[in-house]
């Protein structure tokens, strides 16, 4: 084996171990919450030694922060042209993912419970505001929004409303009805924000054959709490065509 390959082998193992720890941590936090989770439960779920755990993460708090800010990592949004319909599709996709994806669910739960590990940090929420605002900017360029709509304010309203809807849905049905709740949210919002000539053509269901809950991606490596990135990385996005980039 060449020297380069010998160097790469332990690096690859370290990356795989860290991913396994993050995935296990997300599953444990999703199941038990921050207070009910423990390093020993996470180690057992990830099948790693104490040394392997503490080589990557020094505390449960650090792990929780990594899962919280990485909640959107690895998600694959529905295909489609950027704009208002695509934003609707993204929110419906997230509603479906929250029913079955433990990585996303854990990140969302920890964002709500972060006071239990000494944080008051909106970085995860701001990441979604940026993601939604990007779609609203494309919608604006395409003439899909009412003239008086402020894209940043609307993105903030959407993230806030989605957060409240998923919490209510979790309490009442275990998020079984969350896709319908999000569709209802859009049904009442669209008359105020969508241009008159496109409103009736907007779809409040996911496109046919669009995957909903099959994928549960591995979380990516995340920074320590002290680093406090700004803001968390958004989910993977499809490449844009040259015409879309010009929007």
C-alpha atoms as a PDB file:
ATOM      1  CA  UNK A   1       0.000   0.000   0.000  1.00  0.00           C
ATOM      2  CA  UNK A   2       1.353   3.414  -0.948  1.00  0.00           C
ATOM      3  CA  UNK A   3       2.092   6.029   1.724  1.00  0.00           C
ATOM      4  CA  UNK A   4      -0.789   8.168   0.453  1.00  0.00           C
ATOM      5  CA  UNK A   5      -3.259   5.281   0.730  1.00  0.00           C
ATOM      6  CA  UNK A   6      -1.977   4.498   4.222  1.00  0.00           C
ATOM      7  CA  UNK A   7      -2.677   8.098   5.233  1.00  0.00           C
ATOM      8  CA  UNK A   8      -6.133   8.110   3.662  1.00  0.00           C
ATOM      9  CA  UNK A   9      -7.340   4.896   5.340  1.00  0.00           C
ATOM     10  CA  UNK A  10      -7.454   6.240   8.927  1.00  0.00           C
ATOM     11  CA  UNK A  11      -8.875   9.545   7.698  1.00  0.00           C
ATOM     12  CA  UNK A  12     -11.717   7.705   5.956  1.00  0.00           C
ATOM     13  CA  UNK A  13     -12.375   5.623   9.072  1.00  0.00           C
ATOM     14  CA  UNK A  14     -12.494   8.791  11.173  1.00  0.00           C
ATOM     15  CA  UNK A  15     -15.008  10.399   8.809  1.00  0.00           C
ATOM     16  CA  UNK A  16     -17.151   7.261   8.828  1.00  0.00           C
ATOM     17  CA  UNK A  17     -16.989   7.012  12.618  1.00  0.00           C
ATOM     18  CA  UNK A  18     -18.012  10.635  13.046  1.00  0.00           C
ATOM     19  CA  UNK A  19     -20.927  10.184  10.641  1.00  0.00           C
ATOM     20  CA  UNK A  20     -22.022   7.063  12.520  1.00  0.00           C
ATOM     21  CA  UNK A  21     -21.897   8.943  15.834  1.00  0.00           C
ATOM     22  CA  UNK A  22     -23.945  11.841  14.446  1.00  0.00           C
ATOM     23  CA  UNK A  23     -26.515   9.494  12.972  1.00  0.00           C
ATOM     24  CA  UNK A  24     -26.803   7.554  16.231  1.00  0.00           C
ATOM     25  CA  UNK A  25     -27.013  10.779  18.225  1.00  0.00           C
ATOM     26  CA  UNK A  26     -29.819  12.054  15.996  1.00  0.00           C
ATOM     27  CA  UNK A  27     -31.768   8.828  16.491  1.00  0.00           C
ATOM     28  CA  UNK A  28     -31.295   8.908  20.273  1.00  0.00           C
ATOM     29  CA  UNK A  29     -32.158  12.621  20.576  1.00  0.00           C
ATOM     30  CA  UNK A  30     -35.211  12.080  18.374  1.00  0.00           C
ATOM     31  CA  UNK A  31     -36.378   9.208  20.561  1.00  0.00           C
ATOM     32  CA  UNK A  32     -35.524  10.511  24.042  1.00  0.00           C
ATOM     33  CA  UNK A  33     -34.984  14.275  23.718  1.00  0.00           C
ATOM     34  CA  UNK A  34     -31.936  16.023  25.124  1.00  0.00           C
ATOM     35  CA  UNK A  35     -32.657  15.226  28.771  1.00  0.00           C
ATOM     36  CA  UNK A  36     -33.383  11.563  28.154  1.00  0.00           C
ATOM     37  CA  UNK A  37     -30.406  10.979  25.867  1.00  0.00           C
ATOM     38  CA  UNK A  38     -27.014   9.933  27.201  1.00  0.00           C
ATOM     39  CA  UNK A  39     -23.530   9.468  25.814  1.00  0.00           C
ATOM     40  CA  UNK A  40     -23.703   5.769  26.710  1.00  0.00           C
ATOM     41  CA  UNK A  41     -26.913   5.320  24.684  1.00  0.00           C
ATOM     42  CA  UNK A  42     -25.359   7.103  21.729  1.00  0.00           C
ATOM     43  CA  UNK A  43     -22.145   5.064  21.972  1.00  0.00           C
ATOM     44  CA  UNK A  44     -24.141   1.827  22.032  1.00  0.00           C
ATOM     45  CA  UNK A  45     -26.291   2.902  19.066  1.00  0.00           C
ATOM     46  CA  UNK A  46     -23.212   3.966  17.067  1.00  0.00           C
ATOM     47  CA  UNK A  47     -21.195   0.897  18.175  1.00  0.00           C
ATOM     48  CA  UNK A  48     -18.150   2.977  19.079  1.00  0.00           C
ATOM     49  CA  UNK A  49     -15.795   2.973  22.044  1.00  0.00           C
ATOM     50  CA  UNK A  50     -15.568   5.751  24.606  1.00  0.00           C
ATOM     51  CA  UNK A  51     -12.267   6.800  23.055  1.00  0.00           C
ATOM     52  CA  UNK A  52     -13.829   6.933  19.608  1.00  0.00           C
ATOM     53  CA  UNK A  53     -16.685   9.041  20.922  1.00  0.00           C
ATOM     54  CA  UNK A  54     -14.582  11.591  22.783  1.00  0.00           C
ATOM     55  CA  UNK A  55     -12.073  11.865  19.951  1.00  0.00           C
ATOM     56  CA  UNK A  56     -14.852  13.536  17.922  1.00  0.00           C
ATOM     57  CA  UNK A  57     -17.183  15.063  20.525  1.00  0.00           C
ATOM     58  CA  UNK A  58     -16.296  16.209  24.014  1.00  0.00           C
ATOM     59  CA  UNK A  59     -19.817  16.317  25.464  1.00  0.00           C
ATOM     60  CA  UNK A  60     -23.502  15.618  24.923  1.00  0.00           C
ATOM     61  CA  UNK A  61     -24.021  19.367  24.512  1.00  0.00           C
ATOM     62  CA  UNK A  62     -21.542  19.505  21.652  1.00  0.00           C
ATOM     63  CA  UNK A  63     -23.239  16.566  19.964  1.00  0.00           C
ATOM     64  CA  UNK A  64     -26.656  18.150  20.384  1.00  0.00           C
ATOM     65  CA  UNK A  65     -25.475  21.393  18.809  1.00  0.00           C
ATOM     66  CA  UNK A  66     -23.970  19.530  15.842  1.00  0.00           C
ATOM     67  CA  UNK A  67     -27.234  17.659  15.230  1.00  0.00           C
ATOM     68  CA  UNK A  68     -29.303  20.825  15.652  1.00  0.00           C
ATOM     69  CA  UNK A  69     -27.390  22.985  13.155  1.00  0.00           C
ATOM     70  CA  UNK A  70     -26.988  20.094  10.711  1.00  0.00           C
ATOM     71  CA  UNK A  71     -30.688  19.223  10.585  1.00  0.00           C
ATOM     72  CA  UNK A  72     -30.996  20.017   6.878  1.00  0.00           C
ATOM     73  CA  UNK A  73     -27.763  18.392   5.705  1.00  0.00           C
ATOM     74  CA  UNK A  74     -28.221  15.765   3.028  1.00  0.00           C
ATOM     75  CA  UNK A  75     -31.851  16.516   2.195  1.00  0.00           C
ATOM     76  CA  UNK A  76     -32.650  16.335  -1.515  1.00  0.00           C
ATOM     77  CA  UNK A  77     -35.356  18.805  -2.439  1.00  0.00           C
ATOM     78  CA  UNK A  78     -37.951  17.988  -5.102  1.00  0.00           C
ATOM     79  CA  UNK A  79     -36.898  18.808  -8.644  1.00  0.00           C
ATOM     80  CA  UNK A  80     -38.468  21.791 -10.322  1.00  0.00           C
ATOM     81  CA  UNK A  81     -37.988  25.342 -11.473  1.00  0.00           C
ATOM     82  CA  UNK A  82     -37.110  27.782  -8.712  1.00  0.00           C
ATOM     83  CA  UNK A  83     -39.925  30.043  -7.610  1.00  0.00           C
ATOM     84  CA  UNK A  84     -43.140  29.981  -5.622  1.00  0.00           C
ATOM     85  CA  UNK A  85     -44.255  26.472  -6.636  1.00  0.00           C
ATOM     86  CA  UNK A  86     -40.835  25.115  -5.751  1.00  0.00           C
ATOM     87  CA  UNK A  87     -41.018  26.762  -2.339  1.00  0.00           C
ATOM     88  CA  UNK A  88     -44.409  25.166  -1.738  1.00  0.00           C
ATOM     89  CA  UNK A  89     -42.957  21.801  -2.790  1.00  0.00           C
ATOM     90  CA  UNK A  90     -39.999  22.233  -0.402  1.00  0.00           C
ATOM     91  CA  UNK A  91     -42.282  22.874   2.558  1.00  0.00           C
ATOM     92  CA  UNK A  92     -44.471  19.877   1.700  1.00  0.00           C
ATOM     93  CA  UNK A  93     -41.348  17.733   1.295  1.00  0.00           C
ATOM     94  CA  UNK A  94     -40.097  18.851   4.717  1.00  0.00           C
ATOM     95  CA  UNK A  95     -43.486  18.009   6.206  1.00  0.00           C
ATOM     96  CA  UNK A  96     -43.198  14.471   4.827  1.00  0.00           C
ATOM     97  CA  UNK A  97     -39.581  14.138   5.976  1.00  0.00           C
ATOM     98  CA  UNK A  98     -40.509  15.182   9.503  1.00  0.00           C
ATOM     99  CA  UNK A  99     -42.810  12.186   9.695  1.00  0.00           C
ATOM    100  CA  UNK A 100     -40.038   9.639   9.140  1.00  0.00           C
ATOM    101  CA  UNK A 101     -36.540  11.182   8.990  1.00  0.00           C
ATOM    102  CA  UNK A 102     -34.891  10.937  12.448  1.00  0.00           C
ATOM    103  CA  UNK A 103     -32.014  13.253  11.523  1.00  0.00           C
ATOM    104  CA  UNK A 104     -34.310  16.122  10.580  1.00  0.00           C
ATOM    105  CA  UNK A 105     -36.702  15.376  13.446  1.00  0.00           C
ATOM    106  CA  UNK A 106     -33.880  15.382  15.989  1.00  0.00           C
ATOM    107  CA  UNK A 107     -32.503  18.686  14.730  1.00  0.00           C
ATOM    108  CA  UNK A 108     -35.936  20.284  14.907  1.00  0.00           C
ATOM    109  CA  UNK A 109     -36.601  18.861  18.376  1.00  0.00           C
ATOM    110  CA  UNK A 110     -33.250  20.098  19.690  1.00  0.00           C
ATOM    111  CA  UNK A 111     -33.870  23.574  18.270  1.00  0.00           C
ATOM    112  CA  UNK A 112     -36.973  23.679  20.474  1.00  0.00           C
ATOM    113  CA  UNK A 113     -35.269  22.087  23.501  1.00  0.00           C
ATOM    114  CA  UNK A 114     -31.960  23.979  23.245  1.00  0.00           C
ATOM    115  CA  UNK A 115     -32.565  25.801  26.523  1.00  0.00           C
ATOM    116  CA  UNK A 116     -31.968  22.448  28.218  1.00  0.00           C
ATOM    117  CA  UNK A 117     -28.348  22.518  27.064  1.00  0.00           C
ATOM    118  CA  UNK A 118     -27.763  26.188  27.734  1.00  0.00           C
ATOM    119  CA  UNK A 119     -28.353  27.724  24.311  1.00  0.00           C
ATOM    120  CA  UNK A 120     -30.522  30.405  22.800  1.00  0.00           C
ATOM    121  CA  UNK A 121     -29.414  30.199  19.188  1.00  0.00           C
ATOM    122  CA  UNK A 122     -31.486  30.828  16.057  1.00  0.00           C
ATOM    123  CA  UNK A 123     -28.880  29.610  13.565  1.00  0.00           C
ATOM    124  CA  UNK A 124     -30.987  26.639  12.422  1.00  0.00           C
ATOM    125  CA  UNK A 125     -34.062  28.812  11.941  1.00  0.00           C
ATOM    126  CA  UNK A 126     -32.074  31.456  10.059  1.00  0.00           C
ATOM    127  CA  UNK A 127     -30.783  28.799   7.657  1.00  0.00           C
ATOM    128  CA  UNK A 128     -34.355  27.995   6.659  1.00  0.00           C
ATOM    129  CA  UNK A 129     -35.216  31.698   6.379  1.00  0.00           C
ATOM    130  CA  UNK A 130     -32.354  32.051   3.884  1.00  0.00           C
ATOM    131  CA  UNK A 131     -33.466  28.974   1.964  1.00  0.00           C
ATOM    132  CA  UNK A 132     -37.068  30.139   1.694  1.00  0.00           C
ATOM    133  CA  UNK A 133     -36.052  33.698   0.868  1.00  0.00           C
ATOM    134  CA  UNK A 134     -33.941  32.466  -2.022  1.00  0.00           C
ATOM    135  CA  UNK A 135     -36.996  30.854  -3.601  1.00  0.00           C
ATOM    136  CA  UNK A 136     -39.035  33.998  -2.974  1.00  0.00           C
ATOM    137  CA  UNK A 137     -36.417  36.065  -4.788  1.00  0.00           C
ATOM    138  CA  UNK A 138     -36.783  33.834  -7.833  1.00  0.00           C
ATOM    139  CA  UNK A 139     -40.561  34.164  -7.497  1.00  0.00           C
ATOM    140  CA  UNK A 140     -40.198  37.947  -7.393  1.00  0.00           C
ATOM    141  CA  UNK A 141     -38.037  37.961 -10.536  1.00  0.00           C
ATOM    142  CA  UNK A 142     -40.670  35.883 -12.326  1.00  0.00           C
ATOM    143  CA  UNK A 143     -43.536  38.164 -11.303  1.00  0.00           C
ATOM    144  CA  UNK A 144     -45.132  35.530  -9.085  1.00  0.00           C
ATOM    145  CA  UNK A 145     -45.546  37.709  -5.975  1.00  0.00           C
ATOM    146  CA  UNK A 146     -47.872  40.558  -5.109  1.00  0.00           C
ATOM    147  CA  UNK A 147     -46.054  43.936  -5.398  1.00  0.00           C
ATOM    148  CA  UNK A 148     -46.187  44.694  -1.676  1.00  0.00           C
ATOM    149  CA  UNK A 149     -44.706  41.363  -0.505  1.00  0.00           C
ATOM    150  CA  UNK A 150     -41.391  41.673   1.358  1.00  0.00           C
ATOM    151  CA  UNK A 151     -39.461  38.456   0.641  1.00  0.00           C
ATOM    152  CA  UNK A 152     -37.431  38.489   3.880  1.00  0.00           C
ATOM    153  CA  UNK A 153     -40.482  39.158   6.033  1.00  0.00           C
ATOM    154  CA  UNK A 154     -42.500  36.463   4.260  1.00  0.00           C
ATOM    155  CA  UNK A 155     -39.642  33.945   4.664  1.00  0.00           C
ATOM    156  CA  UNK A 156     -39.593  34.710   8.395  1.00  0.00           C
ATOM    157  CA  UNK A 157     -43.372  34.278   8.605  1.00  0.00           C
ATOM    158  CA  UNK A 158     -43.168  30.956   6.754  1.00  0.00           C
ATOM    159  CA  UNK A 159     -40.456  29.529   9.011  1.00  0.00           C
ATOM    160  CA  UNK A 160     -42.306  30.707  12.114  1.00  0.00           C
ATOM    161  CA  UNK A 161     -45.625  29.300  10.870  1.00  0.00           C
ATOM    162  CA  UNK A 162     -44.066  25.999   9.798  1.00  0.00           C
ATOM    163  CA  UNK A 163     -42.423  25.652  13.214  1.00  0.00           C
ATOM    164  CA  UNK A 164     -45.699  26.237  15.002  1.00  0.00           C
ATOM    165  CA  UNK A 165     -47.610  23.917  12.690  1.00  0.00           C
ATOM    166  CA  UNK A 166     -45.180  21.047  13.178  1.00  0.00           C
ATOM    167  CA  UNK A 167     -45.238  21.453  16.965  1.00  0.00           C
ATOM    168  CA  UNK A 168     -49.058  21.448  17.017  1.00  0.00           C
ATOM    169  CA  UNK A 169     -49.159  18.495  14.636  1.00  0.00           C
ATOM    170  CA  UNK A 170     -46.609  16.572  16.729  1.00  0.00           C
ATOM    171  CA  UNK A 171     -48.673  17.117  19.874  1.00  0.00           C
ATOM    172  CA  UNK A 172     -52.007  16.191  18.282  1.00  0.00           C
ATOM    173  CA  UNK A 173     -51.221  13.417  15.764  1.00  0.00           C
ATOM    174  CA  UNK A 174     -47.500  12.632  15.940  1.00  0.00           C
ATOM    175  CA  UNK A 175     -47.124  14.688  12.719  1.00  0.00           C
ATOM    176  CA  UNK A 176     -49.360  12.306  10.752  1.00  0.00           C
ATOM    177  CA  UNK A 177     -51.413  15.274   9.538  1.00  0.00           C
ATOM    178  CA  UNK A 178     -48.475  17.671   9.032  1.00  0.00           C
ATOM    179  CA  UNK A 179     -48.566  17.670   5.194  1.00  0.00           C
ATOM    180  CA  UNK A 180     -52.251  18.624   5.335  1.00  0.00           C
ATOM    181  CA  UNK A 181     -51.504  21.330   7.913  1.00  0.00           C
ATOM    182  CA  UNK A 182     -48.847  22.863   5.664  1.00  0.00           C
ATOM    183  CA  UNK A 183     -51.158  22.712   2.653  1.00  0.00           C
ATOM    184  CA  UNK A 184     -53.805  24.547   4.722  1.00  0.00           C
ATOM    185  CA  UNK A 185     -51.229  27.167   5.694  1.00  0.00           C
ATOM    186  CA  UNK A 186     -50.503  27.862   2.033  1.00  0.00           C
ATOM    187  CA  UNK A 187     -54.208  27.897   1.142  1.00  0.00           C
ATOM    188  CA  UNK A 188     -54.701  30.891   3.419  1.00  0.00           C
ATOM    189  CA  UNK A 189     -51.392  32.604   2.643  1.00  0.00           C
ATOM    190  CA  UNK A 190     -51.483  32.467  -1.156  1.00  0.00           C
ATOM    191  CA  UNK A 191     -54.353  34.953  -1.693  1.00  0.00           C
ATOM    192  CA  UNK A 192     -52.225  37.556   0.113  1.00  0.00           C
ATOM    193  CA  UNK A 193     -48.844  36.819  -1.481  1.00  0.00           C
ATOM    194  CA  UNK A 194     -49.252  35.157  -4.904  1.00  0.00           C
ATOM    195  CA  UNK A 195     -49.849  37.159  -8.086  1.00  0.00           C
ATOM    196  CA  UNK A 196     -53.436  36.861  -9.290  1.00  0.00           C
ATOM    197  CA  UNK A 197     -52.550  35.317 -12.640  1.00  0.00           C
ATOM    198  CA  UNK A 198     -50.664  32.327 -11.178  1.00  0.00           C
ATOM    199  CA  UNK A 199     -52.520  31.649  -7.933  1.00  0.00           C
ATOM    200  CA  UNK A 200     -55.067  29.190  -9.302  1.00  0.00           C
ATOM    201  CA  UNK A 201     -52.352  27.165 -11.013  1.00  0.00           C
ATOM    202  CA  UNK A 202     -50.313  26.498  -7.887  1.00  0.00           C
ATOM    203  CA  UNK A 203     -50.344  22.927  -6.628  1.00  0.00           C
ATOM    204  CA  UNK A 204     -50.620  22.125  -2.891  1.00  0.00           C
ATOM    205  CA  UNK A 205     -49.431  18.531  -3.172  1.00  0.00           C
ATOM    206  CA  UNK A 206     -46.025  17.075  -3.960  1.00  0.00           C
ATOM    207  CA  UNK A 207     -45.336  16.281  -7.622  1.00  0.00           C
ATOM    208  CA  UNK A 208     -46.247  12.729  -8.737  1.00  0.00           C
ATOM    209  CA  UNK A 209     -43.514  10.133  -8.131  1.00  0.00           C
ATOM    210  CA  UNK A 210     -41.661  12.481  -5.771  1.00  0.00           C
ATOM    211  CA  UNK A 211     -39.969  10.512  -2.952  1.00  0.00           C
ATOM    212  CA  UNK A 212     -41.352  11.483   0.441  1.00  0.00           C
ATOM    213  CA  UNK A 213     -39.897   9.578   3.365  1.00  0.00           C
ATOM    214  CA  UNK A 214     -37.675   6.822   2.000  1.00  0.00           C
ATOM    215  CA  UNK A 215     -34.372   8.593   2.464  1.00  0.00           C
ATOM    216  CA  UNK A 216     -32.848   9.244   5.871  1.00  0.00           C
ATOM    217  CA  UNK A 217     -29.449  10.765   5.034  1.00  0.00           C
ATOM    218  CA  UNK A 218     -26.304  10.602   7.106  1.00  0.00           C
ATOM    219  CA  UNK A 219     -25.626  13.860   8.933  1.00  0.00           C
ATOM    220  CA  UNK A 220     -22.479  15.704   7.925  1.00  0.00           C
ATOM    221  CA  UNK A 221     -19.719  16.708  10.318  1.00  0.00           C
ATOM    222  CA  UNK A 222     -20.645  19.871  12.194  1.00  0.00           C
ATOM    223  CA  UNK A 223     -18.724  22.483  14.162  1.00  0.00           C
ATOM    224  CA  UNK A 224     -18.327  22.660  17.905  1.00  0.00           C
ATOM    225  CA  UNK A 225     -20.716  24.896  19.841  1.00  0.00           C
ATOM    226  CA  UNK A 226     -17.998  27.441  20.458  1.00  0.00           C
ATOM    227  CA  UNK A 227     -17.575  28.126  16.742  1.00  0.00           C
ATOM    228  CA  UNK A 228     -21.242  29.126  16.231  1.00  0.00           C
ATOM    229  CA  UNK A 229     -21.348  29.143  12.415  1.00  0.00           C
ATOM    230  CA  UNK A 230     -23.545  31.591  10.571  1.00  0.00           C
ATOM    231  CA  UNK A 231     -25.944  30.163   9.514  1.00  0.00           C
ATOM    232  CA  UNK A 232     -26.152  26.348   9.220  1.00  0.00           C
ATOM    233  CA  UNK A 233     -25.589  24.907   5.776  1.00  0.00           C
ATOM    234  CA  UNK A 234     -28.737  24.492   3.715  1.00  0.00           C
ATOM    235  CA  UNK A 235     -29.761  21.170   2.173  1.00  0.00           C
ATOM    236  CA  UNK A 236     -28.152  20.064  -1.069  1.00  0.00           C
ATOM    237  CA  UNK A 237     -29.550  21.833  -4.062  1.00  0.00           C
ATOM    238  CA  UNK A 238     -29.777  20.748  -7.659  1.00  0.00           C
ATOM    239  CA  UNK A 239     -27.583  22.583 -10.209  1.00  0.00           C
ATOM    240  CA  UNK A 240     -29.305  25.539 -11.883  1.00  0.00           C
ATOM    241  CA  UNK A 241     -29.449  26.196 -15.559  1.00  0.00           C
ATOM    242  CA  UNK A 242     -27.893  29.333 -16.983  1.00  0.00           C
ATOM    243  CA  UNK A 243     -31.318  30.947 -17.417  1.00  0.00           C
ATOM    244  CA  UNK A 244     -32.229  30.267 -13.776  1.00  0.00           C
ATOM    245  CA  UNK A 245     -28.976  31.746 -12.510  1.00  0.00           C
ATOM    246  CA  UNK A 246     -29.851  34.996 -14.161  1.00  0.00           C
ATOM    247  CA  UNK A 247     -32.958  35.452 -12.001  1.00  0.00           C
END
